[in-house]
Amino acid sequence: MLTNAKEYKVYVPMTYPDGGPVGSEKLYAVRTRLLECFGGVTTVRKANYLEGFWLAEEEVIPDQIVTYTSVDLRHPGMENETFMLEYKDELKREFRQREVFIIVSDLQII
């Protein structure tokens, strides 16, 4: 039997735009918030971060990123997408970013 679900993948920077490190307490807060909302979260360990590159005004900017993934099995729907849109704005302020990527995917789980 297939179960419909939504997957939310949140990309969070490990450094602020000025190059200063994001404290581990802020990264822990993201994990805690997603755990409370969805009942589970998976993350890439800090030692195995993703490395991204962004083009901004002809300059290449490197970025170290931690990803958090939550799968909503309980009640996938618009209320969680609304939460994620509001949370995205909060993350942008908290991490001082122009943009924070959150990828949403429809899933079918066996």
PDB file of N, CA and C in Angstrom:
ATOM      1  N   MET A   1       0.832  -1.182   0.000  1.00  0.00           N
ATOM      2  CA  MET A   1       0.000   0.000   0.000  1.00  0.00           C
ATOM      3  C   MET A   1       0.880   1.249   0.000  1.00  0.00           C
ATOM      4  N   LEU A   2       0.543   2.202  -0.834  1.00  0.00           N
ATOM      5  CA  LEU A   2       1.316   3.438  -0.927  1.00  0.00           C
ATOM      6  C   LEU A   2       0.728   4.500   0.004  1.00  0.00           C
ATOM      7  N   THR A   3       1.623   5.251   0.624  1.00  0.00           N
ATOM      8  CA  THR A   3       1.230   6.364   1.486  1.00  0.00           C
ATOM      9  C   THR A   3       1.722   7.661   0.859  1.00  0.00           C
ATOM     10  N   ASN A   4       0.825   8.631   0.735  1.00  0.00           N
ATOM     11  CA  ASN A   4       1.225   9.937   0.219  1.00  0.00           C
ATOM     12  C   ASN A   4       1.876  10.743   1.330  1.00  0.00           C
ATOM     13  N   ALA A   5       2.903  11.481   0.979  1.00  0.00           N
ATOM     14  CA  ALA A   5       3.629  12.294   1.954  1.00  0.00           C
ATOM     15  C   ALA A   5       4.260  13.478   1.241  1.00  0.00           C
ATOM     16  N   LYS A   6       4.719  14.423   2.019  1.00  0.00           N
ATOM     17  CA  LYS A   6       5.492  15.569   1.517  1.00  0.00           C
ATOM     18  C   LYS A   6       6.862  15.523   2.168  1.00  0.00           C
ATOM     19  N   GLU A   7       7.871  15.838   1.364  1.00  0.00           N
ATOM     20  CA  GLU A   7       9.234  15.944   1.885  1.00  0.00           C
ATOM     21  C   GLU A   7       9.637  17.409   1.831  1.00  0.00           C
ATOM     22  N   TYR A   8      10.189  17.894   2.946  1.00  0.00           N
ATOM     23  CA  TYR A   8      10.683  19.262   3.043  1.00  0.00           C
ATOM     24  C   TYR A   8      12.183  19.199   3.290  1.00  0.00           C
ATOM     25  N   LYS A   9      12.951  19.766   2.387  1.00  0.00           N
ATOM     26  CA  LYS A   9      14.408  19.809   2.530  1.00  0.00           C
ATOM     27  C   LYS A   9      14.817  21.271   2.702  1.00  0.00           C
ATOM     28  N   VAL A  10      15.430  21.568   3.850  1.00  0.00           N
ATOM     29  CA  VAL A  10      15.794  22.941   4.218  1.00  0.00           C
ATOM     30  C   VAL A  10      17.311  23.069   4.148  1.00  0.00           C
ATOM     31  N   TYR A  11      17.780  24.048   3.400  1.00  0.00           N
ATOM     32  CA  TYR A  11      19.214  24.311   3.238  1.00  0.00           C
ATOM     33  C   TYR A  11      19.582  25.504   4.121  1.00  0.00           C
ATOM     34  N   VAL A  12      20.446  25.270   5.108  1.00  0.00           N
ATOM     35  CA  VAL A  12      20.810  26.296   6.076  1.00  0.00           C
ATOM     36  C   VAL A  12      22.313  26.553   6.001  1.00  0.00           C
ATOM     37  N   PRO A  13      22.729  27.824   5.931  1.00  0.00           N
ATOM     38  CA  PRO A  13      24.162  28.132   5.853  1.00  0.00           C
ATOM     39  C   PRO A  13      24.855  27.911   7.191  1.00  0.00           C
ATOM     40  N   MET A  14      26.120  27.548   7.130  1.00  0.00           N
ATOM     41  CA  MET A  14      26.927  27.375   8.336  1.00  0.00           C
ATOM     42  C   MET A  14      27.693  28.642   8.688  1.00  0.00           C
ATOM     43  N   THR A  15      27.666  29.623   7.778  1.00  0.00           N
ATOM     44  CA  THR A  15      28.325  30.903   8.040  1.00  0.00           C
ATOM     45  C   THR A  15      27.382  32.039   7.659  1.00  0.00           C
ATOM     46  N   TYR A  16      27.586  33.180   8.299  1.00  0.00           N
ATOM     47  CA  TYR A  16      26.845  34.388   7.962  1.00  0.00           C
ATOM     48  C   TYR A  16      27.484  35.015   6.715  1.00  0.00           C
ATOM     49  N   PRO A  17      26.794  35.951   6.072  1.00  0.00           N
ATOM     50  CA  PRO A  17      27.366  36.586   4.882  1.00  0.00           C
ATOM     51  C   PRO A  17      28.732  37.228   5.115  1.00  0.00           C
ATOM     52  N   ASP A  18      29.015  37.667   6.341  1.00  0.00           N
ATOM     53  CA  ASP A  18      30.325  38.268   6.626  1.00  0.00           C
ATOM     54  C   ASP A  18      31.414  37.226   6.874  1.00  0.00           C
ATOM     55  N   GLY A  19      31.055  35.936   6.791  1.00  0.00           N
ATOM     56  CA  GLY A  19      32.035  34.861   6.968  1.00  0.00           C
ATOM     57  C   GLY A  19      32.091  34.299   8.374  1.00  0.00           C
ATOM     58  N   GLY A  20      31.445  34.949   9.321  1.00  0.00           N
ATOM     59  CA  GLY A  20      31.431  34.453  10.695  1.00  0.00           C
ATOM     60  C   GLY A  20      30.619  33.172  10.816  1.00  0.00           C
ATOM     61  N   PRO A  21      31.035  32.273  11.705  1.00  0.00           N
ATOM     62  CA  PRO A  21      30.339  30.985  11.835  1.00  0.00           C
ATOM     63  C   PRO A  21      28.983  31.130  12.530  1.00  0.00           C
ATOM     64  N   VAL A  22      28.021  30.352  12.059  1.00  0.00           N
ATOM     65  CA  VAL A  22      26.733  30.249  12.723  1.00  0.00           C
ATOM     66  C   VAL A  22      26.933  29.338  13.932  1.00  0.00           C
ATOM     67  N   GLY A  23      26.447  29.740  15.073  1.00  0.00           N
ATOM     68  CA  GLY A  23      26.600  28.932  16.280  1.00  0.00           C
ATOM     69  C   GLY A  23      25.811  27.634  16.208  1.00  0.00           C
ATOM     70  N   SER A  24      26.338  26.605  16.854  1.00  0.00           N
ATOM     71  CA  SER A  24      25.684  25.299  16.834  1.00  0.00           C
ATOM     72  C   SER A  24      24.292  25.354  17.464  1.00  0.00           C
ATOM     73  N   GLU A  25      24.057  26.302  18.369  1.00  0.00           N
ATOM     74  CA  GLU A  25      22.737  26.410  18.990  1.00  0.00           C
ATOM     75  C   GLU A  25      21.674  26.801  17.963  1.00  0.00           C
ATOM     76  N   LYS A  26      22.046  27.596  16.976  1.00  0.00           N
ATOM     77  CA  LYS A  26      21.092  27.970  15.927  1.00  0.00           C
ATOM     78  C   LYS A  26      20.778  26.780  15.025  1.00  0.00           C
ATOM     79  N   LEU A  27      21.797  25.984  14.721  1.00  0.00           N
ATOM     80  CA  LEU A  27      21.578  24.787  13.914  1.00  0.00           C
ATOM     81  C   LEU A  27      20.730  23.782  14.686  1.00  0.00           C
ATOM     82  N   TYR A  28      20.972  23.651  15.973  1.00  0.00           N
ATOM     83  CA  TYR A  28      20.186  22.763  16.821  1.00  0.00           C
ATOM     84  C   TYR A  28      18.728  23.230  16.868  1.00  0.00           C
ATOM     85  N   ALA A  29      18.511  24.545  16.885  1.00  0.00           N
ATOM     86  CA  ALA A  29      17.155  25.089  16.924  1.00  0.00           C
ATOM     87  C   ALA A  29      16.373  24.724  15.662  1.00  0.00           C
ATOM     88  N   VAL A  30      17.034  24.703  14.508  1.00  0.00           N
ATOM     89  CA  VAL A  30      16.367  24.304  13.263  1.00  0.00           C
ATOM     90  C   VAL A  30      15.933  22.845  13.380  1.00  0.00           C
ATOM     91  N   ARG A  31      16.842  22.004  13.817  1.00  0.00           N
ATOM     92  CA  ARG A  31      16.529  20.581  13.980  1.00  0.00           C
ATOM     93  C   ARG A  31      15.346  20.391  14.929  1.00  0.00           C
ATOM     94  N   THR A  32      15.373  21.093  16.051  1.00  0.00           N
ATOM     95  CA  THR A  32      14.313  20.970  17.049  1.00  0.00           C
ATOM     96  C   THR A  32      12.969  21.424  16.492  1.00  0.00           C
ATOM     97  N   ARG A  33      12.971  22.535  15.772  1.00  0.00           N
ATOM     98  CA  ARG A  33      11.721  23.079  15.218  1.00  0.00           C
ATOM     99  C   ARG A  33      11.093  22.123  14.214  1.00  0.00           C
ATOM    100  N   LEU A  34      11.917  21.543  13.332  1.00  0.00           N
ATOM    101  CA  LEU A  34      11.390  20.596  12.349  1.00  0.00           C
ATOM    102  C   LEU A  34      10.940  19.303  13.013  1.00  0.00           C
ATOM    103  N   LEU A  35      11.652  18.865  14.014  1.00  0.00           N
ATOM    104  CA  LEU A  35      11.274  17.664  14.760  1.00  0.00           C
ATOM    105  C   LEU A  35       9.909  17.860  15.423  1.00  0.00           C
ATOM    106  N   GLU A  36       9.713  19.022  16.031  1.00  0.00           N
ATOM    107  CA  GLU A  36       8.437  19.304  16.681  1.00  0.00           C
ATOM    108  C   GLU A  36       7.283  19.397  15.678  1.00  0.00           C
ATOM    109  N   CYS A  37       7.542  19.983  14.516  1.00  0.00           N
ATOM    110  CA  CYS A  37       6.489  20.173  13.517  1.00  0.00           C
ATOM    111  C   CYS A  37       6.106  18.873  12.817  1.00  0.00           C
ATOM    112  N   PHE A  38       7.112  18.076  12.438  1.00  0.00           N
ATOM    113  CA  PHE A  38       6.861  16.914  11.597  1.00  0.00           C
ATOM    114  C   PHE A  38       7.047  15.575  12.298  1.00  0.00           C
ATOM    115  N   GLY A  39       7.582  15.585  13.504  1.00  0.00           N
ATOM    116  CA  GLY A  39       7.770  14.335  14.228  1.00  0.00           C
ATOM    117  C   GLY A  39       9.042  13.602  13.864  1.00  0.00           C
ATOM    118  N   GLY A  40       9.844  14.163  12.978  1.00  0.00           N
ATOM    119  CA  GLY A  40      11.117  13.547  12.598  1.00  0.00           C
ATOM    120  C   GLY A  40      11.919  14.479  11.710  1.00  0.00           C
ATOM    121  N   VAL A  41      13.229  14.309  11.729  1.00  0.00           N
ATOM    122  CA  VAL A  41      14.119  15.111  10.894  1.00  0.00           C
ATOM    123  C   VAL A  41      15.401  14.319  10.658  1.00  0.00           C
ATOM    124  N   THR A  42      15.950  14.454   9.469  1.00  0.00           N
ATOM    125  CA  THR A  42      17.232  13.861   9.121  1.00  0.00           C
ATOM    126  C   THR A  42      18.144  14.995   8.696  1.00  0.00           C
ATOM    127  N   THR A  43      19.398  14.925   9.093  1.00  0.00           N
ATOM    128  CA  THR A  43      20.329  15.987   8.711  1.00  0.00           C
ATOM    129  C   THR A  43      21.647  15.393   8.247  1.00  0.00           C
ATOM    130  N   VAL A  44      22.335  16.148   7.409  1.00  0.00           N
ATOM    131  CA  VAL A  44      23.708  15.819   7.056  1.00  0.00           C
ATOM    132  C   VAL A  44      24.559  16.333   8.207  1.00  0.00           C
ATOM    133  N   ARG A  45      25.395  15.486   8.760  1.00  0.00           N
ATOM    134  CA  ARG A  45      26.223  15.911   9.891  1.00  0.00           C
ATOM    135  C   ARG A  45      27.090  17.093   9.504  1.00  0.00           C
ATOM    136  N   LYS A  46      27.327  17.950  10.469  1.00  0.00           N
ATOM    137  CA  LYS A  46      28.079  19.181  10.239  1.00  0.00           C
ATOM    138  C   LYS A  46      29.437  18.905   9.581  1.00  0.00           C
ATOM    139  N   ALA A  47      30.075  17.790   9.927  1.00  0.00           N
ATOM    140  CA  ALA A  47      31.380  17.464   9.349  1.00  0.00           C
ATOM    141  C   ALA A  47      31.258  17.107   7.866  1.00  0.00           C
ATOM    142  N   ASN A  48      30.046  16.765   7.418  1.00  0.00           N
ATOM    143  CA  ASN A  48      29.822  16.382   6.022  1.00  0.00           C
ATOM    144  C   ASN A  48      28.926  17.397   5.314  1.00  0.00           C
ATOM    145  N   TYR A  49      29.202  18.652   5.510  1.00  0.00           N
ATOM    146  CA  TYR A  49      28.381  19.720   4.944  1.00  0.00           C
ATOM    147  C   TYR A  49      28.423  19.700   3.414  1.00  0.00           C
ATOM    148  N   LEU A  50      27.428  20.339   2.825  1.00  0.00           N
ATOM    149  CA  LEU A  50      27.411  20.559   1.388  1.00  0.00           C
ATOM    150  C   LEU A  50      28.169  21.841   1.099  1.00  0.00           C
ATOM    151  N   GLU A  51      28.778  21.920  -0.049  1.00  0.00           N
ATOM    152  CA  GLU A  51      29.462  23.140  -0.453  1.00  0.00           C
ATOM    153  C   GLU A  51      28.744  23.682  -1.677  1.00  0.00           C
ATOM    154  N   GLY A  52      28.305  24.932  -1.590  1.00  0.00           N
ATOM    155  CA  GLY A  52      27.603  25.557  -2.696  1.00  0.00           C
ATOM    156  C   GLY A  52      28.366  26.774  -3.191  1.00  0.00           C
ATOM    157  N   PHE A  53      28.031  27.193  -4.397  1.00  0.00           N
ATOM    158  CA  PHE A  53      28.637  28.389  -4.977  1.00  0.00           C
ATOM    159  C   PHE A  53      27.532  29.209  -5.605  1.00  0.00           C
ATOM    160  N   TRP A  54      27.546  30.512  -5.344  1.00  0.00           N
ATOM    161  CA  TRP A  54      26.512  31.409  -5.824  1.00  0.00           C
ATOM    162  C   TRP A  54      27.159  32.551  -6.593  1.00  0.00           C
ATOM    163  N   LEU A  55      26.531  32.935  -7.667  1.00  0.00           N
ATOM    164  CA  LEU A  55      27.013  34.060  -8.462  1.00  0.00           C
ATOM    165  C   LEU A  55      26.225  35.297  -8.064  1.00  0.00           C
ATOM    166  N   ALA A  56      26.929  36.288  -7.531  1.00  0.00           N
ATOM    167  CA  ALA A  56      26.293  37.530  -7.102  1.00  0.00           C
ATOM    168  C   ALA A  56      27.094  38.697  -7.654  1.00  0.00           C
ATOM    169  N   GLU A  57      26.467  39.430  -8.568  1.00  0.00           N
ATOM    170  CA  GLU A  57      27.114  40.585  -9.175  1.00  0.00           C
ATOM    171  C   GLU A  57      28.505  40.255  -9.698  1.00  0.00           C
ATOM    172  N   GLU A  58      28.571  39.208 -10.510  1.00  0.00           N
ATOM    173  CA  GLU A  58      29.817  38.781 -11.166  1.00  0.00           C
ATOM    174  C   GLU A  58      30.852  38.189 -10.219  1.00  0.00           C
ATOM    175  N   GLU A  59      30.513  37.998  -8.960  1.00  0.00           N
ATOM    176  CA  GLU A  59      31.440  37.413  -7.992  1.00  0.00           C
ATOM    177  C   GLU A  59      30.913  36.049  -7.562  1.00  0.00           C
ATOM    178  N   VAL A  60      31.811  35.062  -7.507  1.00  0.00           N
ATOM    179  CA  VAL A  60      31.433  33.729  -7.035  1.00  0.00           C
ATOM    180  C   VAL A  60      31.614  33.687  -5.522  1.00  0.00           C
ATOM    181  N   ILE A  61      30.539  33.338  -4.837  1.00  0.00           N
ATOM    182  CA  ILE A  61      30.556  33.290  -3.373  1.00  0.00           C
ATOM    183  C   ILE A  61      30.414  31.843  -2.934  1.00  0.00           C
ATOM    184  N   PRO A  62      31.406  31.313  -2.192  1.00  0.00           N
ATOM    185  CA  PRO A  62      31.290  29.939  -1.694  1.00  0.00           C
ATOM    186  C   PRO A  62      30.404  29.903  -0.452  1.00  0.00           C
ATOM    187  N   ASP A  63      29.780  28.756  -0.221  1.00  0.00           N
ATOM    188  CA  ASP A  63      28.883  28.608   0.913  1.00  0.00           C
ATOM    189  C   ASP A  63      28.977  27.186   1.449  1.00  0.00           C
ATOM    190  N   GLN A  64      28.954  27.044   2.757  1.00  0.00           N
ATOM    191  CA  GLN A  64      28.879  25.739   3.402  1.00  0.00           C
ATOM    192  C   GLN A  64      27.473  25.604   3.956  1.00  0.00           C
ATOM    193  N   ILE A  65      26.829  24.478   3.650  1.00  0.00           N
ATOM    194  CA  ILE A  65      25.407  24.330   3.923  1.00  0.00           C
ATOM    195  C   ILE A  65      25.139  23.019   4.656  1.00  0.00           C
ATOM    196  N   VAL A  66      24.248  23.096   5.632  1.00  0.00           N
ATOM    197  CA  VAL A  66      23.721  21.910   6.292  1.00  0.00           C
ATOM    198  C   VAL A  66      22.299  21.719   5.774  1.00  0.00           C
ATOM    199  N   THR A  67      21.911  20.482   5.476  1.00  0.00           N
ATOM    200  CA  THR A  67      20.543  20.228   5.038  1.00  0.00           C
ATOM    201  C   THR A  67      19.776  19.470   6.112  1.00  0.00           C
ATOM    202  N   TYR A  68      18.520  19.837   6.236  1.00  0.00           N
ATOM    203  CA  TYR A  68      17.593  19.166   7.145  1.00  0.00           C
ATOM    204  C   TYR A  68      16.423  18.673   6.310  1.00  0.00           C
ATOM    205  N   THR A  69      16.068  17.414   6.460  1.00  0.00           N
ATOM    206  CA  THR A  69      14.969  16.835   5.708  1.00  0.00           C
ATOM    207  C   THR A  69      13.926  16.284   6.663  1.00  0.00           C
ATOM    208  N   SER A  70      12.690  16.690   6.442  1.00  0.00           N
ATOM    209  CA  SER A  70      11.567  16.137   7.198  1.00  0.00           C
ATOM    210  C   SER A  70      10.537  15.617   6.213  1.00  0.00           C
ATOM    211  N   VAL A  71       9.932  14.482   6.555  1.00  0.00           N
ATOM    212  CA  VAL A  71       8.868  13.899   5.755  1.00  0.00           C
ATOM    213  C   VAL A  71       7.593  13.972   6.572  1.00  0.00           C
ATOM    214  N   ASP A  72       6.566  14.566   5.981  1.00  0.00           N
ATOM    215  CA  ASP A  72       5.285  14.716   6.660  1.00  0.00           C
ATOM    216  C   ASP A  72       4.381  13.551   6.278  1.00  0.00           C
ATOM    217  N   LEU A  73       4.284  12.577   7.170  1.00  0.00           N
ATOM    218  CA  LEU A  73       3.416  11.417   6.966  1.00  0.00           C
ATOM    219  C   LEU A  73       2.058  11.600   7.636  1.00  0.00           C
ATOM    220  N   ARG A  74       2.011  12.514   8.589  1.00  0.00           N
ATOM    221  CA  ARG A  74       0.813  12.634   9.425  1.00  0.00           C
ATOM    222  C   ARG A  74      -0.322  13.375   8.747  1.00  0.00           C
ATOM    223  N   HIS A  75      -0.047  14.508   8.188  1.00  0.00           N
ATOM    224  CA  HIS A  75      -1.101  15.307   7.559  1.00  0.00           C
ATOM    225  C   HIS A  75      -0.507  16.244   6.516  1.00  0.00           C
ATOM    226  N   PRO A  76       0.016  15.651   5.416  1.00  0.00           N
ATOM    227  CA  PRO A  76       0.582  16.519   4.379  1.00  0.00           C
ATOM    228  C   PRO A  76      -0.503  17.417   3.794  1.00  0.00           C
ATOM    229  N   GLY A  77      -0.242  18.692   3.813  1.00  0.00           N
ATOM    230  CA  GLY A  77      -1.235  19.610   3.265  1.00  0.00           C
ATOM    231  C   GLY A  77      -0.792  21.047   3.367  1.00  0.00           C
ATOM    232  N   MET A  78      -1.704  21.918   3.044  1.00  0.00           N
ATOM    233  CA  MET A  78      -1.397  23.339   2.945  1.00  0.00           C
ATOM    234  C   MET A  78      -0.974  23.959   4.272  1.00  0.00           C
ATOM    235  N   GLU A  79      -1.485  23.449   5.416  1.00  0.00           N
ATOM    236  CA  GLU A  79      -1.100  24.071   6.685  1.00  0.00           C
ATOM    237  C   GLU A  79       0.401  23.965   6.917  1.00  0.00           C
ATOM    238  N   ASN A  80       1.024  22.866   6.489  1.00  0.00           N
ATOM    239  CA  ASN A  80       2.470  22.734   6.661  1.00  0.00           C
ATOM    240  C   ASN A  80       3.236  23.542   5.619  1.00  0.00           C
ATOM    241  N   GLU A  81       2.682  23.687   4.443  1.00  0.00           N
ATOM    242  CA  GLU A  81       3.335  24.537   3.458  1.00  0.00           C
ATOM    243  C   GLU A  81       3.274  26.003   3.898  1.00  0.00           C
ATOM    244  N   THR A  82       2.169  26.402   4.513  1.00  0.00           N
ATOM    245  CA  THR A  82       2.067  27.756   5.070  1.00  0.00           C
ATOM    246  C   THR A  82       3.101  27.938   6.176  1.00  0.00           C
ATOM    247  N   PHE A  83       3.215  26.935   7.070  1.00  0.00           N
ATOM    248  CA  PHE A  83       4.223  26.989   8.133  1.00  0.00           C
ATOM    249  C   PHE A  83       5.617  27.159   7.533  1.00  0.00           C
ATOM    250  N   MET A  84       5.944  26.387   6.485  1.00  0.00           N
ATOM    251  CA  MET A  84       7.283  26.435   5.899  1.00  0.00           C
ATOM    252  C   MET A  84       7.551  27.788   5.240  1.00  0.00           C
ATOM    253  N   LEU A  85       6.546  28.398   4.622  1.00  0.00           N
ATOM    254  CA  LEU A  85       6.735  29.732   4.046  1.00  0.00           C
ATOM    255  C   LEU A  85       7.048  30.751   5.133  1.00  0.00           C
ATOM    256  N   GLU A  86       6.338  30.671   6.246  1.00  0.00           N
ATOM    257  CA  GLU A  86       6.604  31.587   7.363  1.00  0.00           C
ATOM    258  C   GLU A  86       7.961  31.280   7.999  1.00  0.00           C
ATOM    259  N   TYR A  87       8.281  30.000   8.119  1.00  0.00           N
ATOM    260  CA  TYR A  87       9.562  29.609   8.711  1.00  0.00           C
ATOM    261  C   TYR A  87      10.732  30.056   7.839  1.00  0.00           C
ATOM    262  N   LYS A  88      10.542  30.006   6.522  1.00  0.00           N
ATOM    263  CA  LYS A  88      11.580  30.465   5.603  1.00  0.00           C
ATOM    264  C   LYS A  88      11.933  31.925   5.876  1.00  0.00           C
ATOM    265  N   ASP A  89      10.917  32.777   6.050  1.00  0.00           N
ATOM    266  CA  ASP A  89      11.178  34.181   6.360  1.00  0.00           C
ATOM    267  C   ASP A  89      11.937  34.315   7.679  1.00  0.00           C
ATOM    268  N   GLU A  90      11.565  33.514   8.650  1.00  0.00           N
ATOM    269  CA  GLU A  90      12.255  33.522   9.945  1.00  0.00           C
ATOM    270  C   GLU A  90      13.721  33.097   9.789  1.00  0.00           C
ATOM    271  N   LEU A  91      13.956  32.058   8.999  1.00  0.00           N
ATOM    272  CA  LEU A  91      15.335  31.589   8.775  1.00  0.00           C
ATOM    273  C   LEU A  91      16.174  32.640   8.059  1.00  0.00           C
ATOM    274  N   LYS A  92      15.582  33.320   7.089  1.00  0.00           N
ATOM    275  CA  LYS A  92      16.314  34.368   6.380  1.00  0.00           C
ATOM    276  C   LYS A  92      16.767  35.460   7.342  1.00  0.00           C
ATOM    277  N   ARG A  93      15.885  35.847   8.262  1.00  0.00           N
ATOM    278  CA  ARG A  93      16.261  36.860   9.262  1.00  0.00           C
ATOM    279  C   ARG A  93      17.309  36.301  10.226  1.00  0.00           C
ATOM    280  N   GLU A  94      17.058  35.116  10.741  1.00  0.00           N
ATOM    281  CA  GLU A  94      17.923  34.518  11.761  1.00  0.00           C
ATOM    282  C   GLU A  94      19.351  34.291  11.252  1.00  0.00           C
ATOM    283  N   PHE A  95      19.474  33.869   9.984  1.00  0.00           N
ATOM    284  CA  PHE A  95      20.788  33.569   9.416  1.00  0.00           C
ATOM    285  C   PHE A  95      21.318  34.700   8.528  1.00  0.00           C
ATOM    286  N   ARG A  96      20.592  35.835   8.510  1.00  0.00           N
ATOM    287  CA  ARG A  96      20.989  37.035   7.762  1.00  0.00           C
ATOM    288  C   ARG A  96      21.231  36.749   6.277  1.00  0.00           C
ATOM    289  N   GLN A  97      20.291  36.056   5.661  1.00  0.00           N
ATOM    290  CA  GLN A  97      20.419  35.635   4.273  1.00  0.00           C
ATOM    291  C   GLN A  97      19.409  36.355   3.385  1.00  0.00           C
ATOM    292  N   ARG A  98      19.787  36.588   2.137  1.00  0.00           N
ATOM    293  CA  ARG A  98      18.830  37.101   1.156  1.00  0.00           C
ATOM    294  C   ARG A  98      17.849  36.010   0.753  1.00  0.00           C
ATOM    295  N   GLU A  99      18.340  34.761   0.804  1.00  0.00           N
ATOM    296  CA  GLU A  99      17.515  33.631   0.381  1.00  0.00           C
ATOM    297  C   GLU A  99      17.869  32.401   1.196  1.00  0.00           C
ATOM    298  N   VAL A 100      16.886  31.594   1.507  1.00  0.00           N
ATOM    299  CA  VAL A 100      17.066  30.274   2.099  1.00  0.00           C
ATOM    300  C   VAL A 100      16.229  29.326   1.252  1.00  0.00           C
ATOM    301  N   PHE A 101      16.836  28.258   0.773  1.00  0.00           N
ATOM    302  CA  PHE A 101      16.104  27.314  -0.064  1.00  0.00           C
ATOM    303  C   PHE A 101      15.400  26.270   0.791  1.00  0.00           C
ATOM    304  N   ILE A 102      14.127  26.062   0.458  1.00  0.00           N
ATOM    305  CA  ILE A 102      13.362  24.947   1.010  1.00  0.00           C
ATOM    306  C   ILE A 102      12.745  24.254  -0.185  1.00  0.00           C
ATOM    307  N   ILE A 103      13.084  22.992  -0.371  1.00  0.00           N
ATOM    308  CA  ILE A 103      12.577  22.202  -1.486  1.00  0.00           C
ATOM    309  C   ILE A 103      11.442  21.328  -0.970  1.00  0.00           C
ATOM    310  N   VAL A 104      10.297  21.355  -1.657  1.00  0.00           N
ATOM    311  CA  VAL A 104       9.144  20.551  -1.277  1.00  0.00           C
ATOM    312  C   VAL A 104       8.899  19.537  -2.389  1.00  0.00           C
ATOM    313  N   SER A 105       8.764  18.264  -1.997  1.00  0.00           N
ATOM    314  CA  SER A 105       8.529  17.205  -2.973  1.00  0.00           C
ATOM    315  C   SER A 105       7.357  16.339  -2.525  1.00  0.00           C
ATOM    316  N   ASP A 106       6.543  15.927  -3.493  1.00  0.00           N
ATOM    317  CA  ASP A 106       5.495  14.960  -3.221  1.00  0.00           C
ATOM    318  C   ASP A 106       6.131  13.570  -3.234  1.00  0.00           C
ATOM    319  N   LEU A 107       5.771  12.748  -2.266  1.00  0.00           N
ATOM    320  CA  LEU A 107       6.317  11.403  -2.160  1.00  0.00           C
ATOM    321  C   LEU A 107       5.208  10.381  -2.098  1.00  0.00           C
ATOM    322  N   GLN A 108       5.532   9.187  -2.534  1.00  0.00           N
ATOM    323  CA  GLN A 108       4.716   8.017  -2.256  1.00  0.00           C
ATOM    324  C   GLN A 108       5.639   7.018  -1.601  1.00  0.00           C
ATOM    325  N   ILE A 109       5.277   6.593  -0.407  1.00  0.00           N
ATOM    326  CA  ILE A 109       6.124   5.697   0.372  1.00  0.00           C
ATOM    327  C   ILE A 109       5.466   4.335   0.447  1.00  0.00           C
ATOM    328  N   ILE A 110       6.262   3.311   0.225  1.00  0.00           N
ATOM    329  CA  ILE A 110       5.751   1.929   0.298  1.00  0.00           C
ATOM    330  C   ILE A 110       5.881   1.453   1.732  1.00  0.00           C
TER     331      ILE A 110
END
